[in-house]
Protein backbone atom coordinates (compact mmCIF):
# COMPACT_ATOMS: atom_id res chain seq x y z
CA MET A 1 0.00 0.00 0.00
CA GLU A 2 1.28 3.43 -0.89
CA ARG A 3 -0.24 6.83 -0.44
CA PRO A 4 0.91 9.55 -2.87
CA LEU A 5 2.91 12.57 -1.84
CA GLY A 6 4.66 15.49 -3.43
CA ASP A 7 8.28 16.47 -3.66
CA CYS A 8 10.21 17.69 -0.76
CA ALA A 9 12.87 18.05 1.67
CA GLY A 10 15.84 17.01 3.78
CA MET A 11 16.19 18.07 7.38
CA PRO A 12 12.94 19.40 8.84
CA ASP A 13 12.49 23.17 8.81
CA ALA A 14 10.86 25.02 11.66
CA GLY A 15 7.10 25.01 11.20
CA ARG A 16 7.14 22.20 8.64
CA ARG A 17 5.57 18.85 9.42
CA LEU A 18 7.94 15.90 9.61
CA ARG A 19 7.64 13.73 6.52
CA LEU A 20 7.45 10.14 7.71
CA LEU A 21 7.57 6.89 5.78
CA LEU A 22 5.52 4.28 7.66
CA VAL A 23 6.67 0.69 7.06
CA GLU A 24 4.46 -2.03 8.54
CA SER A 25 3.30 -5.33 7.03
CA GLN A 26 0.23 -5.85 9.22
CA THR A 27 -2.74 -3.88 7.94
CA LEU A 28 -4.43 -3.32 11.31
CA MET A 29 -1.19 -2.23 12.95
CA ARG A 30 -0.42 0.10 10.04
CA GLU A 31 -3.88 1.68 10.20
CA GLY A 32 -3.58 2.11 13.96
CA LEU A 33 -0.19 3.79 13.66
CA ARG A 34 -1.50 6.07 10.93
CA ARG A 35 -4.37 7.22 13.16
CA ILE A 36 -2.04 7.87 16.09
CA LEU A 37 0.43 9.83 13.98
CA SER A 38 -2.29 11.77 12.14
CA ASP A 39 -3.34 13.30 15.45
CA ALA A 40 0.11 14.90 15.83
CA PRO A 41 0.17 18.41 14.32
CA ASP A 42 3.85 18.19 13.41
CA VAL A 43 3.96 14.72 11.79
CA GLU A 44 2.77 13.74 8.33
CA VAL A 45 2.52 10.09 7.30
CA ALA A 46 3.49 10.94 3.74
CA ALA A 47 3.54 7.35 2.46
CA GLU A 48 3.09 3.80 3.67
CA ALA A 49 4.78 0.54 2.72
CA SER A 50 3.64 -2.97 3.55
CA SER A 51 6.81 -4.76 2.44
CA ALA A 52 10.58 -4.38 2.46
CA ARG A 53 10.62 -4.14 -1.32
CA MET A 54 8.19 -1.21 -1.32
CA ALA A 55 9.97 0.47 1.58
CA LEU A 56 13.32 0.36 -0.18
CA ARG A 57 11.85 1.70 -3.41
CA LEU A 58 10.24 4.64 -1.61
CA THR A 59 13.42 5.30 0.37
CA ARG A 60 15.39 5.41 -2.86
CA GLU A 61 12.95 7.56 -4.83
CA ARG A 62 11.95 10.21 -2.29
CA GLU A 63 13.18 12.30 0.62
CA TRP A 64 12.09 11.73 4.22
CA ASP A 65 12.65 13.11 7.67
CA VAL A 66 12.10 9.76 9.40
CA VAL A 67 11.43 6.14 8.50
CA LEU A 68 9.31 4.28 11.05
CA LEU A 69 10.27 0.66 10.43
CA GLY A 70 7.78 -1.82 11.87
CA LEU A 71 9.14 -5.34 12.29
CA PRO A 72 8.90 -8.15 11.42
CA LEU A 73 8.32 -7.84 7.68
CA GLU A 74 7.22 -10.81 5.61
CA ASP A 75 9.69 -10.55 2.73
CA ARG A 76 13.01 -9.71 4.37
CA HIS A 77 14.82 -9.82 7.71
CA GLY A 78 14.68 -6.56 9.65
CA LEU A 79 18.44 -6.21 9.98
CA GLU A 80 18.85 -6.48 6.22
CA VAL A 81 16.16 -3.86 5.60
CA LEU A 82 17.81 -1.46 8.03
CA LYS A 83 21.21 -1.96 6.40
CA ALA A 84 19.75 -1.45 2.92
CA ILE A 85 18.05 1.81 3.95
CA ARG A 86 21.26 3.01 5.58
CA ALA A 87 23.18 2.18 2.41
CA GLU A 88 20.75 4.25 0.31
CA LYS A 89 20.41 7.18 2.75
CA PRO A 90 23.12 7.12 5.45
CA LYS A 91 21.83 10.27 7.16
CA LEU A 92 18.16 9.25 7.16
CA PRO A 93 17.04 8.34 10.73
CA VAL A 94 15.33 4.96 10.99
CA LEU A 95 13.25 4.38 14.11
CA VAL A 96 12.56 0.67 14.60
CA LEU A 97 9.25 -0.44 16.07
CA GLY A 98 9.65 -4.10 16.88
CA ALA A 99 7.61 -6.98 18.24
CA GLN A 100 10.62 -8.16 20.27
CA PRO A 101 11.33 -6.61 23.69
CA GLU A 102 14.46 -4.51 24.20
CA ASP A 103 16.75 -7.53 24.17
CA SER A 104 19.67 -8.68 22.05
CA PHE A 105 17.76 -8.12 18.79
CA ALA A 106 17.17 -4.48 19.65
CA LEU A 107 20.85 -4.12 20.49
CA CYS A 108 21.76 -5.51 17.06
CA MET A 109 19.50 -2.97 15.37
CA ILE A 110 21.02 -0.06 17.29
CA LYS A 111 24.54 -1.24 16.48
CA ALA A 112 23.56 -1.57 12.81
CA GLY A 113 22.57 2.09 12.68
CA ALA A 114 18.98 2.39 13.88
CA ALA A 115 18.31 5.82 15.39
CA GLY A 116 16.17 4.20 18.06
CA TYR A 117 14.17 1.14 19.03
CA LEU A 118 10.71 0.85 20.58
CA THR A 119 8.41 -2.10 21.09
CA LYS A 120 4.92 -2.19 19.60
CA ALA A 121 3.57 -2.18 23.15
CA CYS A 122 4.89 1.34 23.78
CA GLU A 123 2.58 4.28 24.51
CA SER A 124 1.70 6.65 21.67
CA ALA A 125 3.24 9.61 23.51
CA ARG A 126 6.55 7.79 23.73
CA LEU A 127 6.42 6.92 20.02
CA LEU A 128 5.87 10.55 19.06
CA GLU A 129 8.63 11.68 21.40
CA ALA A 130 11.02 9.23 19.71
CA ILE A 131 10.03 10.33 16.20
CA ARG A 132 10.64 13.98 17.03
CA LYS A 133 13.94 13.24 18.70
CA VAL A 134 15.44 11.18 15.86
CA ALA A 135 14.20 13.73 13.30
CA ARG A 136 16.44 16.28 15.06
CA GLY A 137 19.43 14.05 14.45
CA ARG A 138 19.55 12.52 17.91
CA ARG A 139 19.18 8.91 19.01
CA TYR A 140 16.30 7.56 21.03
CA ILE A 141 17.62 4.96 23.45
CA SER A 142 15.89 3.82 26.61
CA GLU A 143 17.73 3.42 29.90
CA ILE A 144 17.65 -0.34 29.41
CA MET A 145 19.23 -0.06 25.96
CA ALA A 146 21.79 2.46 27.18
CA GLU A 147 22.90 0.02 29.86
CA ARG A 148 23.14 -2.81 27.33
CA LEU A 149 25.20 -0.66 24.95
CA ALA A 150 27.54 0.42 27.73
CA LEU A 151 27.99 -3.19 28.81
CA ALA A 152 28.63 -4.35 25.25
CA SER A 153 31.19 -1.62 24.55
CA GLY A 154 32.97 -1.80 27.88
CA MET A 155 33.00 -5.53 28.46
CA ASN A 156 33.70 -7.34 25.22
CA GLY A 157 34.03 -10.65 27.01
CA ALA A 158 30.48 -10.33 28.33
CA ARG A 159 28.90 -9.87 24.91
CA LEU A 160 26.41 -12.40 23.64
CA PRO A 161 27.89 -14.79 21.06
CA HIS A 162 26.02 -13.35 18.07
CA GLU A 163 27.18 -9.83 18.95
CA LYS A 164 30.71 -10.90 18.00
CA LEU A 165 29.64 -11.62 14.42
CA SER A 166 30.13 -9.36 11.42
CA HIS A 167 27.01 -8.12 9.64
CA ARG A 168 27.53 -10.67 6.87
CA GLU A 169 27.95 -13.52 9.34
CA LEU A 170 24.77 -12.42 11.11
CA GLU A 171 22.91 -12.38 7.79
CA VAL A 172 24.02 -15.95 7.13
CA LEU A 173 23.04 -17.01 10.66
CA CYS A 174 19.54 -15.55 10.31
CA ARG A 175 19.01 -17.28 6.98
CA ILE A 176 20.23 -20.63 8.25
CA ALA A 177 17.94 -20.27 11.25
CA GLY A 178 15.11 -19.38 8.87
CA GLY A 179 15.51 -22.71 7.08
CA LYS A 180 17.31 -21.49 3.96
CA SER A 181 19.69 -23.84 2.14
CA ARG A 182 23.25 -22.85 1.27
CA SER A 183 22.32 -22.36 -2.36
CA GLN A 184 19.36 -20.14 -1.41
CA ILE A 185 21.55 -18.07 0.90
CA ALA A 186 24.21 -17.76 -1.77
CA GLN A 187 21.65 -16.52 -4.28
CA GLU A 188 20.07 -14.00 -1.92
CA LEU A 189 23.41 -12.57 -0.75
CA HIS A 190 25.10 -12.78 -4.17
CA LEU A 191 27.81 -15.09 -2.86
CA SER A 192 29.17 -18.46 -3.92
CA VAL A 193 27.99 -21.57 -2.07
CA LYS A 194 31.59 -22.09 -0.96
CA THR A 195 31.71 -18.60 0.56
CA VAL A 196 28.46 -19.24 2.44
CA ALA A 197 29.99 -22.44 3.83
CA THR A 198 33.01 -20.44 4.96
CA TYR A 199 30.81 -17.89 6.75
CA ARG A 200 28.87 -20.71 8.39
CA ALA A 201 32.04 -22.36 9.67
CA ARG A 202 33.34 -19.02 10.93
CA LEU A 203 30.18 -18.08 12.82
CA LEU A 204 29.90 -21.55 14.35
CA GLU A 205 33.45 -21.18 15.64
CA LYS A 206 32.85 -17.68 17.02
CA MET A 207 29.65 -18.74 18.74
CA GLU A 208 31.08 -22.06 19.94
CA LEU A 209 28.24 -24.03 18.36
CA LYS A 210 28.46 -27.28 16.43
CA SER A 211 25.46 -27.61 14.11
CA ASN A 212 22.63 -25.87 12.28
CA ALA A 213 20.21 -27.23 14.88
CA GLU A 214 22.11 -25.42 17.63
CA LEU A 215 22.10 -22.25 15.51
CA VAL A 216 18.33 -22.47 15.09
CA ARG A 217 17.78 -22.94 18.82
CA TYR A 218 20.06 -20.02 19.64
CA ALA A 219 18.40 -17.72 17.08
CA ILE A 220 14.94 -18.51 18.41
CA GLN A 221 15.99 -18.03 22.05
CA HIS A 222 17.46 -14.61 21.27
CA GLY A 223 14.67 -13.34 19.02
CA LEU A 224 16.77 -13.26 15.84
CA VAL A 225 14.13 -15.11 13.79
CA ARG A 226 10.36 -15.34 13.86
CA THR A 227 8.80 -18.49 15.30
């Protein structure tokens, strides 16, 4: 679903409504968010996307003040979508609205460049506060997330196993945990099957795991894949 909009803008000017791209795959959730945001005098839901493919096209074609990225999406893993948006528009703030609590998945999103992370159970006032804050070029991080970030940066030995992985290794992990074969992963990531096998071996070693079954269990326990 997409709603039309005109040309415009980069950083928000004083007195101008914030142009927001709403990305959410669930129709009822998307409609609810639109109603909440429409009540704010300084926020305009300028377009909506129900898939990663649509979100990336709109990100590429138009200018935004904020992307509100609702996860999960049906057609692509959230971390990949965030990275793709950041690659297209490095300065564009992406506020993630996730189904997962502020756990290791949220930490991964912040480390990958999200301007902030909220759960879908948050209050509307907090959501609007976060949108306004990231639109001003700041990050929206809760006290819980701040503590997790401080712990991760200051105590490398205490990091969770998947936090030691590179972005590419994490992409491979998520696809393995999602049931993809090596050939499917290779095709999606534009790699050779041999390279995928190398990434798999490397991430198993880093995480001190021995099999795909252990990877799947770990990914489910830490909210890295949908169940």
